[in-house]
Amino acid sequence: AAQTNTNIVVVDSAVDGLSLTSFVGAIQLGGRIAIGGGTAISRHLSQSVDFNPPNLVALNDVANTTVTVTGAQRLDTCIVNHENILTLAVLVFCHISDPNTASITFVNHEAPNTNVPDGVLRVDVWQHN
């Protein structure tokens, strides 16, 4: 039987080896979690920093920066967002270039004189080992 609160749905299943009858607050797992039978996730890391990307004046202008994400390793999945990228003209990418280092690239792919205002840059890293 499924039990629901405002944070999570827990399915009581002896087949899956999980049996919870109540849940309150945060959940912390030791080990891996696979969602819907997919690839197991062993760890999620996140880092936020204040950042002001430089003005991307011309089409195809590129700006780069790095963010320290302690524990990140090459081949980890890296996702990045900046709270004030409100245009489709700017693309932002990341990858883990060295241990503990996320390399971030901003690309102006559409409009001249594109400026992203100061704001929070968030990097999330997912490990699958």
C-alpha atoms as a PDB file:
ATOM      1  CA  ALA A   1       0.000   0.000   0.000  1.00  0.00           C
ATOM      2  CA  ALA A   2       1.272   3.473  -0.825  1.00  0.00           C
ATOM      3  CA  GLN A   3       1.557   6.030   1.946  1.00  0.00           C
ATOM      4  CA  THR A   4       1.741   9.711   1.085  1.00  0.00           C
ATOM      5  CA  ASN A   5       2.758  12.848   2.939  1.00  0.00           C
ATOM      6  CA  THR A   6       3.594  16.269   1.515  1.00  0.00           C
ATOM      7  CA  ASN A   7       7.211  15.305   0.752  1.00  0.00           C
ATOM      8  CA  ILE A   8       7.352  11.754  -0.564  1.00  0.00           C
ATOM      9  CA  VAL A   9       5.367   8.710  -1.622  1.00  0.00           C
ATOM     10  CA  VAL A  10       6.605   5.486  -0.044  1.00  0.00           C
ATOM     11  CA  VAL A  11       5.562   2.106  -1.381  1.00  0.00           C
ATOM     12  CA  ASP A  12       5.596  -0.746   1.140  1.00  0.00           C
ATOM     13  CA  SER A  13       7.015  -3.664  -0.819  1.00  0.00           C
ATOM     14  CA  ALA A  14       8.668  -6.760   0.624  1.00  0.00           C
ATOM     15  CA  VAL A  15       9.754  -7.669  -2.927  1.00  0.00           C
ATOM     16  CA  ASP A  16      11.890  -4.510  -3.162  1.00  0.00           C
ATOM     17  CA  GLY A  17      13.197  -4.980   0.366  1.00  0.00           C
ATOM     18  CA  LEU A  18      11.735  -1.664   1.524  1.00  0.00           C
ATOM     19  CA  SER A  19       9.225  -1.452   4.269  1.00  0.00           C
ATOM     20  CA  LEU A  20       8.322   1.950   5.686  1.00  0.00           C
ATOM     21  CA  THR A  21       5.095   2.669   7.431  1.00  0.00           C
ATOM     22  CA  SER A  22       5.660   6.352   8.168  1.00  0.00           C
ATOM     23  CA  PHE A  23       7.882   9.191   7.029  1.00  0.00           C
ATOM     24  CA  VAL A  24       8.545  12.666   8.421  1.00  0.00           C
ATOM     25  CA  GLY A  25      11.253  15.103   7.278  1.00  0.00           C
ATOM     26  CA  ALA A  26      14.291  14.473   5.084  1.00  0.00           C
ATOM     27  CA  ILE A  27      15.440  11.095   3.854  1.00  0.00           C
ATOM     28  CA  GLN A  28      19.088  10.072   3.648  1.00  0.00           C
ATOM     29  CA  LEU A  29      20.209   6.901   1.916  1.00  0.00           C
ATOM     30  CA  GLY A  30      23.487   5.070   2.377  1.00  0.00           C
ATOM     31  CA  GLY A  31      24.451   3.527  -0.936  1.00  0.00           C
ATOM     32  CA  ARG A  32      22.826   3.926  -4.315  1.00  0.00           C
ATOM     33  CA  ILE A  33      19.340   4.688  -5.519  1.00  0.00           C
ATOM     34  CA  ALA A  34      17.887   3.663  -8.861  1.00  0.00           C
ATOM     35  CA  ILE A  35      14.759   5.439 -10.004  1.00  0.00           C
ATOM     36  CA  GLY A  36      12.352   3.456 -12.138  1.00  0.00           C
ATOM     37  CA  GLY A  37      14.938   0.736 -12.754  1.00  0.00           C
ATOM     38  CA  GLY A  38      17.408   3.199 -14.322  1.00  0.00           C
ATOM     39  CA  THR A  39      21.099   3.781 -13.665  1.00  0.00           C
ATOM     40  CA  ALA A  40      21.938   3.946  -9.976  1.00  0.00           C
ATOM     41  CA  ILE A  41      22.925   7.319  -8.506  1.00  0.00           C
ATOM     42  CA  SER A  42      25.482   7.041  -5.723  1.00  0.00           C
ATOM     43  CA  ARG A  43      25.868  10.707  -4.783  1.00  0.00           C
ATOM     44  CA  HIS A  44      24.543  14.189  -5.517  1.00  0.00           C
ATOM     45  CA  LEU A  45      26.783  17.241  -4.995  1.00  0.00           C
ATOM     46  CA  SER A  46      25.738  20.878  -5.309  1.00  0.00           C
ATOM     47  CA  GLN A  47      27.500  24.215  -5.103  1.00  0.00           C
ATOM     48  CA  SER A  48      26.151  27.756  -5.493  1.00  0.00           C
ATOM     49  CA  VAL A  49      28.252  30.879  -6.014  1.00  0.00           C
ATOM     50  CA  ASP A  50      27.513  34.513  -6.775  1.00  0.00           C
ATOM     51  CA  PHE A  51      28.619  35.240 -10.328  1.00  0.00           C
ATOM     52  CA  ASN A  52      28.419  37.986 -12.942  1.00  0.00           C
ATOM     53  CA  PRO A  53      29.080  36.622 -16.433  1.00  0.00           C
ATOM     54  CA  PRO A  54      30.869  39.055 -18.742  1.00  0.00           C
ATOM     55  CA  ASN A  55      28.909  40.788 -21.492  1.00  0.00           C
ATOM     56  CA  LEU A  56      28.744  38.535 -24.545  1.00  0.00           C
ATOM     57  CA  VAL A  57      29.055  41.249 -27.197  1.00  0.00           C
ATOM     58  CA  ALA A  58      29.162  39.329 -30.470  1.00  0.00           C
ATOM     59  CA  LEU A  59      27.434  36.279 -31.835  1.00  0.00           C
ATOM     60  CA  ASN A  60      29.350  33.161 -30.714  1.00  0.00           C
ATOM     61  CA  ASP A  61      31.191  35.012 -27.930  1.00  0.00           C
ATOM     62  CA  VAL A  62      32.234  32.608 -25.170  1.00  0.00           C
ATOM     63  CA  ALA A  63      32.932  33.176 -21.475  1.00  0.00           C
ATOM     64  CA  ASN A  64      34.442  30.574 -19.148  1.00  0.00           C
ATOM     65  CA  THR A  65      34.739  30.141 -15.394  1.00  0.00           C
ATOM     66  CA  THR A  66      35.279  27.368 -12.880  1.00  0.00           C
ATOM     67  CA  VAL A  67      33.438  26.424  -9.703  1.00  0.00           C
ATOM     68  CA  THR A  68      34.847  24.214  -6.952  1.00  0.00           C
ATOM     69  CA  VAL A  69      32.558  21.246  -6.255  1.00  0.00           C
ATOM     70  CA  THR A  70      34.296  19.181  -3.596  1.00  0.00           C
ATOM     71  CA  GLY A  71      34.132  15.477  -4.397  1.00  0.00           C
ATOM     72  CA  ALA A  72      33.362  15.885  -8.119  1.00  0.00           C
ATOM     73  CA  GLN A  73      35.300  13.592 -10.484  1.00  0.00           C
ATOM     74  CA  ARG A  74      35.753  13.394 -14.247  1.00  0.00           C
ATOM     75  CA  LEU A  75      32.877  11.542 -15.948  1.00  0.00           C
ATOM     76  CA  ASP A  76      30.394  12.740 -13.320  1.00  0.00           C
ATOM     77  CA  THR A  77      27.239  14.269 -14.760  1.00  0.00           C
ATOM     78  CA  CYS A  78      27.289  18.058 -14.417  1.00  0.00           C
ATOM     79  CA  ILE A  79      24.309  20.410 -14.704  1.00  0.00           C
ATOM     80  CA  VAL A  80      24.554  24.189 -14.360  1.00  0.00           C
ATOM     81  CA  ASN A  81      22.121  27.090 -14.195  1.00  0.00           C
ATOM     82  CA  HIS A  82      22.309  30.821 -13.578  1.00  0.00           C
ATOM     83  CA  GLU A  83      19.272  32.436 -12.003  1.00  0.00           C
ATOM     84  CA  ASN A  84      19.274  35.414 -14.404  1.00  0.00           C
ATOM     85  CA  ILE A  85      19.656  33.708 -17.777  1.00  0.00           C
ATOM     86  CA  LEU A  86      16.232  34.706 -19.007  1.00  0.00           C
ATOM     87  CA  THR A  87      16.936  34.514 -22.723  1.00  0.00           C
ATOM     88  CA  LEU A  88      17.404  31.678 -25.180  1.00  0.00           C
ATOM     89  CA  ALA A  89      20.331  33.628 -26.647  1.00  0.00           C
ATOM     90  CA  VAL A  90      22.723  32.357 -23.962  1.00  0.00           C
ATOM     91  CA  LEU A  91      23.580  28.694 -23.562  1.00  0.00           C
ATOM     92  CA  VAL A  92      25.438  27.481 -20.492  1.00  0.00           C
ATOM     93  CA  PHE A  93      27.283  24.169 -20.223  1.00  0.00           C
ATOM     94  CA  CYS A  94      29.471  22.446 -17.651  1.00  0.00           C
ATOM     95  CA  HIS A  95      31.748  19.473 -17.287  1.00  0.00           C
ATOM     96  CA  ILE A  96      34.054  18.208 -14.576  1.00  0.00           C
ATOM     97  CA  SER A  97      37.481  19.125 -15.949  1.00  0.00           C
ATOM     98  CA  ASP A  98      39.583  18.104 -12.935  1.00  0.00           C
ATOM     99  CA  PRO A  99      38.817  16.596  -9.539  1.00  0.00           C
ATOM    100  CA  ASN A 100      36.690  19.059  -7.527  1.00  0.00           C
ATOM    101  CA  THR A 101      36.437  21.457 -10.512  1.00  0.00           C
ATOM    102  CA  ALA A 102      33.414  22.200 -12.700  1.00  0.00           C
ATOM    103  CA  SER A 103      34.281  24.140 -15.855  1.00  0.00           C
ATOM    104  CA  ILE A 104      31.429  26.382 -16.996  1.00  0.00           C
ATOM    105  CA  THR A 105      31.014  27.836 -20.493  1.00  0.00           C
ATOM    106  CA  PHE A 106      28.567  30.562 -21.523  1.00  0.00           C
ATOM    107  CA  VAL A 107      27.866  30.962 -25.260  1.00  0.00           C
ATOM    108  CA  ASN A 108      26.006  33.763 -27.029  1.00  0.00           C
ATOM    109  CA  HIS A 109      24.456  31.843 -29.887  1.00  0.00           C
ATOM    110  CA  GLU A 110      21.756  34.249 -31.005  1.00  0.00           C
ATOM    111  CA  ALA A 111      21.878  37.970 -30.178  1.00  0.00           C
ATOM    112  CA  PRO A 112      24.452  40.794 -30.065  1.00  0.00           C
ATOM    113  CA  ASN A 113      25.236  42.612 -26.798  1.00  0.00           C
ATOM    114  CA  THR A 114      23.783  39.981 -24.517  1.00  0.00           C
ATOM    115  CA  ASN A 115      24.390  40.644 -20.846  1.00  0.00           C
ATOM    116  CA  VAL A 116      23.403  38.294 -18.042  1.00  0.00           C
ATOM    117  CA  PRO A 117      23.083  40.262 -14.772  1.00  0.00           C
ATOM    118  CA  ASP A 118      24.735  39.302 -11.475  1.00  0.00           C
ATOM    119  CA  GLY A 119      23.159  36.303  -9.831  1.00  0.00           C
ATOM    120  CA  VAL A 120      23.586  32.856  -8.374  1.00  0.00           C
ATOM    121  CA  LEU A 121      25.295  30.181 -10.439  1.00  0.00           C
ATOM    122  CA  ARG A 122      24.342  26.668  -9.294  1.00  0.00           C
ATOM    123  CA  VAL A 123      26.262  23.542 -10.265  1.00  0.00           C
ATOM    124  CA  ASP A 124      24.791  20.099  -9.569  1.00  0.00           C
ATOM    125  CA  VAL A 125      26.879  16.958  -9.963  1.00  0.00           C
ATOM    126  CA  TRP A 126      25.525  13.412 -10.066  1.00  0.00           C
ATOM    127  CA  GLN A 127      27.798  10.425  -9.481  1.00  0.00           C
ATOM    128  CA  HIS A 128      26.964   6.962 -10.768  1.00  0.00           C
ATOM    129  CA  ASN A 129      29.877   4.828  -9.524  1.00  0.00           C
END
